[in-house]
Amino acid sequence: MPRMIGRAKRIPVPEELRTLALTPRHLSLLAHLLLDGPMSVNELAAGLEVAPTTVSLMVGELSRKGILDRRESETDRRRKIVSISPSHRDTIHGWLGHGATAWREALGPLTADQRRMFVDTLAAYERALADD
């Protein structure tokens, strides 16, 4: 685990994104959108395990910077769908996409039950760290 975290921390931010003052919470949101594709603020909040208002603030900030796009849902106009802006998609994919590919490669051969056990184990580890 420390090797994986250390490796992730050493991935340099692409030149065109360096001036945008991205923080770790932004990276989690971007990685989530990269892995799972466009989704609503509520879906992002559930996936990131934070309040929808927190995600809404981050989405607003990243939208103003041109990193994210927001559009109305085709099925419910009250609902906004968030996606990575096409102008930054390739850069963000080049930056964070290797991790997504590595997760898919590692988890792909597992059964649904094995993947669930792996995710549950990581969640238990995270909870144990938070308890300290």
N, C-alpha and C. Protein backbone atom coordinates (compact mmCIF):
# COMPACT_ATOMS: atom_id res chain seq x y z
N MET A 1 0.83 -1.19 0.00
CA MET A 1 0.00 0.00 0.00
C MET A 1 0.87 1.26 0.00
N PRO A 2 1.90 1.36 0.86
CA PRO A 2 2.73 2.57 0.80
C PRO A 2 3.40 2.78 -0.56
N ARG A 3 3.80 1.69 -1.21
CA ARG A 3 4.40 1.82 -2.55
C ARG A 3 3.40 2.38 -3.54
N MET A 4 2.16 1.89 -3.49
CA MET A 4 1.14 2.38 -4.42
C MET A 4 0.86 3.86 -4.18
N ILE A 5 0.75 4.26 -2.93
CA ILE A 5 0.48 5.66 -2.61
C ILE A 5 1.65 6.52 -3.04
N GLY A 6 2.85 6.07 -2.76
CA GLY A 6 4.05 6.82 -3.16
C GLY A 6 4.13 6.98 -4.66
N ARG A 7 3.82 5.93 -5.39
CA ARG A 7 3.84 5.99 -6.86
C ARG A 7 2.79 6.97 -7.38
N ALA A 8 1.61 6.94 -6.81
CA ALA A 8 0.55 7.85 -7.23
C ALA A 8 0.93 9.31 -6.97
N LYS A 9 1.57 9.56 -5.84
CA LYS A 9 1.98 10.93 -5.50
C LYS A 9 3.05 11.47 -6.44
N ARG A 10 3.81 10.59 -7.05
CA ARG A 10 4.89 11.02 -7.95
C ARG A 10 4.42 11.29 -9.37
N ILE A 11 3.17 11.00 -9.67
CA ILE A 11 2.67 11.27 -11.02
C ILE A 11 2.55 12.79 -11.18
N PRO A 12 3.33 13.37 -12.07
CA PRO A 12 3.30 14.83 -12.20
C PRO A 12 2.01 15.34 -12.82
N VAL A 13 1.58 16.50 -12.35
CA VAL A 13 0.41 17.16 -12.93
C VAL A 13 0.83 17.67 -14.31
N PRO A 14 0.01 17.42 -15.33
CA PRO A 14 0.35 17.90 -16.67
C PRO A 14 0.53 19.42 -16.69
N GLU A 15 1.44 19.85 -17.53
CA GLU A 15 1.78 21.27 -17.65
C GLU A 15 0.54 22.16 -17.79
N GLU A 16 -0.38 21.78 -18.66
CA GLU A 16 -1.54 22.65 -18.91
C GLU A 16 -2.52 22.74 -17.74
N LEU A 17 -2.36 21.85 -16.74
CA LEU A 17 -3.24 21.89 -15.57
C LEU A 17 -2.57 22.46 -14.33
N ARG A 18 -1.28 22.69 -14.38
CA ARG A 18 -0.54 23.12 -13.19
C ARG A 18 -1.01 24.45 -12.62
N THR A 19 -1.43 25.36 -13.44
CA THR A 19 -1.84 26.68 -12.96
C THR A 19 -3.26 26.69 -12.40
N LEU A 20 -3.97 25.57 -12.45
CA LEU A 20 -5.37 25.52 -12.04
C LEU A 20 -5.56 25.21 -10.56
N ALA A 21 -4.47 25.07 -9.82
CA ALA A 21 -4.53 24.85 -8.37
C ALA A 21 -5.43 23.67 -7.99
N LEU A 22 -5.20 22.54 -8.62
CA LEU A 22 -5.97 21.33 -8.29
C LEU A 22 -5.48 20.75 -6.98
N THR A 23 -6.42 20.29 -6.17
CA THR A 23 -6.08 19.69 -4.87
C THR A 23 -6.45 18.20 -4.92
N PRO A 24 -6.04 17.43 -3.92
CA PRO A 24 -6.37 16.00 -3.91
C PRO A 24 -7.87 15.73 -4.04
N ARG A 25 -8.71 16.58 -3.45
CA ARG A 25 -10.16 16.33 -3.57
C ARG A 25 -10.61 16.49 -5.01
N HIS A 26 -9.99 17.41 -5.76
CA HIS A 26 -10.32 17.55 -7.18
C HIS A 26 -9.90 16.30 -7.96
N LEU A 27 -8.74 15.77 -7.59
CA LEU A 27 -8.23 14.59 -8.30
C LEU A 27 -9.14 13.40 -8.11
N SER A 28 -9.67 13.24 -6.90
CA SER A 28 -10.61 12.14 -6.64
C SER A 28 -11.85 12.29 -7.52
N LEU A 29 -12.36 13.50 -7.61
CA LEU A 29 -13.55 13.75 -8.43
C LEU A 29 -13.25 13.48 -9.90
N LEU A 30 -12.10 13.96 -10.38
CA LEU A 30 -11.73 13.74 -11.78
C LEU A 30 -11.52 12.26 -12.08
N ALA A 31 -10.86 11.56 -11.16
CA ALA A 31 -10.64 10.12 -11.35
C ALA A 31 -11.97 9.38 -11.39
N HIS A 32 -12.89 9.79 -10.55
CA HIS A 32 -14.21 9.15 -10.52
C HIS A 32 -14.92 9.33 -11.86
N LEU A 33 -14.91 10.55 -12.38
CA LEU A 33 -15.54 10.80 -13.68
C LEU A 33 -14.82 10.06 -14.79
N LEU A 34 -13.51 9.97 -14.71
CA LEU A 34 -12.74 9.26 -15.73
C LEU A 34 -13.07 7.77 -15.71
N LEU A 35 -13.17 7.19 -14.53
CA LEU A 35 -13.45 5.76 -14.40
C LEU A 35 -14.89 5.41 -14.77
N ASP A 36 -15.84 6.23 -14.29
CA ASP A 36 -17.25 5.87 -14.41
C ASP A 36 -18.04 6.69 -15.42
N GLY A 37 -17.42 7.71 -16.00
CA GLY A 37 -18.10 8.52 -16.99
C GLY A 37 -19.00 9.57 -16.37
N PRO A 38 -19.71 10.31 -17.22
CA PRO A 38 -20.58 11.40 -16.75
C PRO A 38 -21.61 10.89 -15.75
N MET A 39 -21.91 11.74 -14.76
CA MET A 39 -22.91 11.39 -13.75
C MET A 39 -23.41 12.65 -13.06
N SER A 40 -24.44 12.48 -12.26
CA SER A 40 -25.03 13.60 -11.54
C SER A 40 -24.18 13.96 -10.33
N VAL A 41 -24.44 15.14 -9.78
CA VAL A 41 -23.75 15.57 -8.56
C VAL A 41 -24.04 14.60 -7.43
N ASN A 42 -25.28 14.14 -7.29
CA ASN A 42 -25.62 13.20 -6.22
C ASN A 42 -24.89 11.87 -6.39
N GLU A 43 -24.77 11.40 -7.62
CA GLU A 43 -24.03 10.15 -7.85
C GLU A 43 -22.55 10.33 -7.51
N LEU A 44 -21.99 11.48 -7.91
CA LEU A 44 -20.59 11.76 -7.56
C LEU A 44 -20.42 11.82 -6.04
N ALA A 45 -21.33 12.50 -5.36
CA ALA A 45 -21.25 12.62 -3.91
C ALA A 45 -21.30 11.24 -3.25
N ALA A 46 -22.19 10.38 -3.72
CA ALA A 46 -22.28 9.03 -3.15
C ALA A 46 -20.99 8.26 -3.40
N GLY A 47 -20.45 8.36 -4.60
CA GLY A 47 -19.21 7.65 -4.92
C GLY A 47 -18.01 8.16 -4.14
N LEU A 48 -17.97 9.46 -3.91
CA LEU A 48 -16.85 10.06 -3.18
C LEU A 48 -17.08 10.07 -1.67
N GLU A 49 -18.31 9.71 -1.26
CA GLU A 49 -18.70 9.67 0.15
C GLU A 49 -18.53 11.03 0.82
N VAL A 50 -19.04 12.06 0.13
CA VAL A 50 -19.07 13.41 0.68
C VAL A 50 -20.47 13.98 0.43
N ALA A 51 -20.75 15.11 1.02
CA ALA A 51 -22.06 15.74 0.86
C ALA A 51 -22.24 16.27 -0.55
N PRO A 52 -23.46 16.20 -1.08
CA PRO A 52 -23.72 16.77 -2.41
C PRO A 52 -23.33 18.24 -2.52
N THR A 53 -23.48 19.00 -1.42
CA THR A 53 -23.10 20.41 -1.48
C THR A 53 -21.60 20.57 -1.69
N THR A 54 -20.80 19.67 -1.12
CA THR A 54 -19.35 19.70 -1.31
C THR A 54 -19.02 19.45 -2.77
N VAL A 55 -19.66 18.44 -3.35
CA VAL A 55 -19.42 18.12 -4.76
C VAL A 55 -19.90 19.26 -5.64
N SER A 56 -21.03 19.83 -5.31
CA SER A 56 -21.57 20.94 -6.09
C SER A 56 -20.59 22.11 -6.12
N LEU A 57 -19.98 22.41 -4.98
CA LEU A 57 -18.99 23.49 -4.92
C LEU A 57 -17.77 23.16 -5.78
N MET A 58 -17.28 21.91 -5.69
CA MET A 58 -16.12 21.52 -6.49
C MET A 58 -16.46 21.56 -7.98
N VAL A 59 -17.64 21.07 -8.34
CA VAL A 59 -18.05 21.07 -9.75
C VAL A 59 -18.15 22.50 -10.25
N GLY A 60 -18.71 23.40 -9.45
CA GLY A 60 -18.80 24.80 -9.84
C GLY A 60 -17.42 25.40 -10.08
N GLU A 61 -16.50 25.11 -9.16
CA GLU A 61 -15.14 25.62 -9.28
C GLU A 61 -14.45 25.08 -10.53
N LEU A 62 -14.54 23.77 -10.75
CA LEU A 62 -13.88 23.16 -11.91
C LEU A 62 -14.57 23.53 -13.21
N SER A 63 -15.86 23.81 -13.16
CA SER A 63 -16.58 24.28 -14.36
C SER A 63 -16.10 25.68 -14.75
N ARG A 64 -15.95 26.55 -13.75
CA ARG A 64 -15.46 27.91 -14.03
C ARG A 64 -14.05 27.88 -14.63
N LYS A 65 -13.26 26.88 -14.27
CA LYS A 65 -11.90 26.75 -14.80
C LYS A 65 -11.90 26.05 -16.16
N GLY A 66 -13.07 25.59 -16.61
CA GLY A 66 -13.18 24.94 -17.91
C GLY A 66 -12.82 23.47 -17.91
N ILE A 67 -12.64 22.88 -16.74
CA ILE A 67 -12.24 21.47 -16.65
C ILE A 67 -13.45 20.54 -16.77
N LEU A 68 -14.58 20.97 -16.21
CA LEU A 68 -15.80 20.17 -16.24
C LEU A 68 -16.89 20.87 -17.02
N ASP A 69 -17.79 20.08 -17.55
CA ASP A 69 -19.00 20.58 -18.21
C ASP A 69 -20.20 20.09 -17.42
N ARG A 70 -21.24 20.92 -17.37
CA ARG A 70 -22.52 20.53 -16.76
C ARG A 70 -23.60 20.70 -17.81
N ARG A 71 -24.47 19.69 -17.90
CA ARG A 71 -25.59 19.78 -18.84
C ARG A 71 -26.82 19.18 -18.17
N GLU A 72 -27.96 19.54 -18.71
CA GLU A 72 -29.20 18.98 -18.18
C GLU A 72 -29.32 17.52 -18.56
N SER A 73 -29.90 16.74 -17.67
CA SER A 73 -30.19 15.34 -17.97
C SER A 73 -31.28 15.30 -19.04
N GLU A 74 -31.16 14.36 -19.94
CA GLU A 74 -32.17 14.21 -20.99
C GLU A 74 -33.50 13.71 -20.43
N THR A 75 -33.45 13.01 -19.30
CA THR A 75 -34.67 12.43 -18.73
C THR A 75 -35.28 13.29 -17.62
N ASP A 76 -34.47 14.19 -17.04
CA ASP A 76 -34.97 15.03 -15.95
C ASP A 76 -34.22 16.36 -16.00
N ARG A 77 -34.85 17.39 -16.51
CA ARG A 77 -34.20 18.68 -16.72
C ARG A 77 -33.71 19.34 -15.43
N ARG A 78 -34.24 18.92 -14.29
CA ARG A 78 -33.79 19.48 -13.00
C ARG A 78 -32.43 18.92 -12.61
N ARG A 79 -32.08 17.80 -13.17
CA ARG A 79 -30.86 17.08 -12.82
C ARG A 79 -29.73 17.51 -13.75
N LYS A 80 -28.56 17.82 -13.18
CA LYS A 80 -27.39 18.19 -13.98
C LYS A 80 -26.43 17.01 -14.07
N ILE A 81 -25.93 16.78 -15.28
CA ILE A 81 -24.94 15.73 -15.52
C ILE A 81 -23.58 16.39 -15.67
N VAL A 82 -22.61 15.86 -14.95
CA VAL A 82 -21.26 16.42 -14.93
C VAL A 82 -20.34 15.52 -15.73
N SER A 83 -19.48 16.12 -16.54
CA SER A 83 -18.50 15.36 -17.30
C SER A 83 -17.22 16.16 -17.43
N ILE A 84 -16.16 15.48 -17.78
CA ILE A 84 -14.89 16.15 -18.05
C ILE A 84 -15.02 16.86 -19.38
N SER A 85 -14.59 18.11 -19.43
CA SER A 85 -14.67 18.90 -20.65
C SER A 85 -13.85 18.24 -21.76
N PRO A 86 -14.39 18.20 -22.97
CA PRO A 86 -13.63 17.62 -24.09
C PRO A 86 -12.26 18.27 -24.28
N SER A 87 -12.15 19.55 -23.95
CA SER A 87 -10.87 20.24 -24.14
C SER A 87 -9.80 19.77 -23.16
N HIS A 88 -10.19 19.12 -22.06
CA HIS A 88 -9.22 18.62 -21.08
C HIS A 88 -9.23 17.10 -20.95
N ARG A 89 -10.16 16.44 -21.63
CA ARG A 89 -10.32 14.99 -21.46
C ARG A 89 -9.04 14.21 -21.78
N ASP A 90 -8.42 14.50 -22.91
CA ASP A 90 -7.21 13.75 -23.28
C ASP A 90 -6.09 13.97 -22.27
N THR A 91 -5.93 15.20 -21.81
CA THR A 91 -4.88 15.50 -20.83
C THR A 91 -5.14 14.76 -19.53
N ILE A 92 -6.38 14.81 -19.05
CA ILE A 92 -6.71 14.14 -17.79
C ILE A 92 -6.62 12.63 -17.95
N HIS A 93 -7.03 12.12 -19.10
CA HIS A 93 -6.90 10.67 -19.34
C HIS A 93 -5.42 10.27 -19.36
N GLY A 94 -4.58 11.07 -20.02
CA GLY A 94 -3.15 10.77 -20.05
C GLY A 94 -2.53 10.80 -18.66
N TRP A 95 -3.05 11.67 -17.82
CA TRP A 95 -2.53 11.84 -16.46
C TRP A 95 -3.04 10.77 -15.51
N LEU A 96 -4.35 10.56 -15.48
CA LEU A 96 -4.96 9.65 -14.51
C LEU A 96 -5.41 8.32 -15.12
N GLY A 97 -5.41 8.23 -16.44
CA GLY A 97 -5.93 7.06 -17.12
C GLY A 97 -5.15 5.79 -16.87
N HIS A 98 -3.84 5.91 -16.66
CA HIS A 98 -3.04 4.71 -16.42
C HIS A 98 -3.52 3.99 -15.16
N GLY A 99 -3.87 4.78 -14.14
CA GLY A 99 -4.39 4.18 -12.92
C GLY A 99 -5.71 3.46 -13.16
N ALA A 100 -6.58 4.06 -13.98
CA ALA A 100 -7.86 3.43 -14.31
C ALA A 100 -7.63 2.13 -15.06
N THR A 101 -6.71 2.15 -16.00
CA THR A 101 -6.39 0.94 -16.76
C THR A 101 -5.82 -0.13 -15.84
N ALA A 102 -4.95 0.28 -14.92
CA ALA A 102 -4.35 -0.69 -13.99
C ALA A 102 -5.42 -1.33 -13.09
N TRP A 103 -6.38 -0.51 -12.60
CA TRP A 103 -7.46 -1.07 -11.79
C TRP A 103 -8.29 -2.06 -12.60
N ARG A 104 -8.62 -1.69 -13.82
CA ARG A 104 -9.42 -2.59 -14.66
C ARG A 104 -8.67 -3.90 -14.92
N GLU A 105 -7.36 -3.80 -15.16
CA GLU A 105 -6.55 -4.99 -15.41
C GLU A 105 -6.48 -5.87 -14.17
N ALA A 106 -6.33 -5.25 -13.00
CA ALA A 106 -6.21 -6.01 -11.76
C ALA A 106 -7.54 -6.63 -11.34
N LEU A 107 -8.63 -5.88 -11.52
CA LEU A 107 -9.93 -6.36 -11.05
C LEU A 107 -10.70 -7.16 -12.09
N GLY A 108 -10.35 -6.99 -13.35
CA GLY A 108 -11.07 -7.65 -14.44
C GLY A 108 -11.20 -9.16 -14.31
N PRO A 109 -10.12 -9.87 -13.97
CA PRO A 109 -10.23 -11.34 -13.89
C PRO A 109 -11.01 -11.85 -12.67
N LEU A 110 -11.30 -10.98 -11.72
CA LEU A 110 -11.98 -11.41 -10.50
C LEU A 110 -13.48 -11.56 -10.73
N THR A 111 -14.08 -12.44 -9.96
CA THR A 111 -15.53 -12.56 -9.98
C THR A 111 -16.12 -11.35 -9.26
N ALA A 112 -17.42 -11.15 -9.40
CA ALA A 112 -18.08 -10.05 -8.72
C ALA A 112 -17.90 -10.17 -7.20
N ASP A 113 -17.99 -11.38 -6.67
CA ASP A 113 -17.81 -11.58 -5.22
C ASP A 113 -16.38 -11.26 -4.79
N GLN A 114 -15.40 -11.63 -5.60
CA GLN A 114 -14.00 -11.33 -5.27
C GLN A 114 -13.74 -9.83 -5.32
N ARG A 115 -14.31 -9.15 -6.31
CA ARG A 115 -14.16 -7.69 -6.38
C ARG A 115 -14.80 -7.04 -5.16
N ARG A 116 -15.99 -7.50 -4.77
CA ARG A 116 -16.68 -6.96 -3.60
C ARG A 116 -15.82 -7.16 -2.37
N MET A 117 -15.20 -8.34 -2.21
CA MET A 117 -14.35 -8.60 -1.05
C MET A 117 -13.14 -7.65 -1.05
N PHE A 118 -12.56 -7.43 -2.20
CA PHE A 118 -11.41 -6.53 -2.31
C PHE A 118 -11.81 -5.11 -1.91
N VAL A 119 -12.90 -4.63 -2.47
CA VAL A 119 -13.38 -3.26 -2.16
C VAL A 119 -13.75 -3.16 -0.68
N ASP A 120 -14.43 -4.16 -0.15
CA ASP A 120 -14.79 -4.15 1.26
C ASP A 120 -13.55 -4.14 2.16
N THR A 121 -12.51 -4.87 1.75
CA THR A 121 -11.26 -4.91 2.52
C THR A 121 -10.59 -3.54 2.52
N LEU A 122 -10.53 -2.89 1.36
CA LEU A 122 -9.95 -1.55 1.29
C LEU A 122 -10.76 -0.56 2.14
N ALA A 123 -12.08 -0.68 2.10
CA ALA A 123 -12.93 0.20 2.89
C ALA A 123 -12.70 -0.04 4.39
N ALA A 124 -12.53 -1.28 4.79
CA ALA A 124 -12.26 -1.59 6.20
C ALA A 124 -10.91 -1.01 6.61
N TYR A 125 -9.94 -1.10 5.74
CA TYR A 125 -8.61 -0.52 6.01
C TYR A 125 -8.73 1.00 6.18
N GLU A 126 -9.49 1.63 5.30
CA GLU A 126 -9.68 3.08 5.38
C GLU A 126 -10.37 3.47 6.69
N ARG A 127 -11.39 2.71 7.07
CA ARG A 127 -12.09 2.99 8.33
C ARG A 127 -11.15 2.83 9.53
N ALA A 128 -10.31 1.80 9.48
CA ALA A 128 -9.36 1.57 10.58
C ALA A 128 -8.38 2.74 10.68
N LEU A 129 -7.95 3.28 9.56
CA LEU A 129 -7.07 4.46 9.59
C LEU A 129 -7.79 5.66 10.18
N ALA A 130 -9.04 5.82 9.84
CA ALA A 130 -9.83 6.97 10.33
C ALA A 130 -10.05 6.85 11.84
N ASP A 131 -10.14 5.62 12.35
CA ASP A 131 -10.35 5.42 13.78
C ASP A 131 -9.15 5.87 14.62
N ASP A 132 -7.98 5.88 13.99
CA ASP A 132 -6.77 6.32 14.72
C ASP A 132 -6.85 7.79 14.90
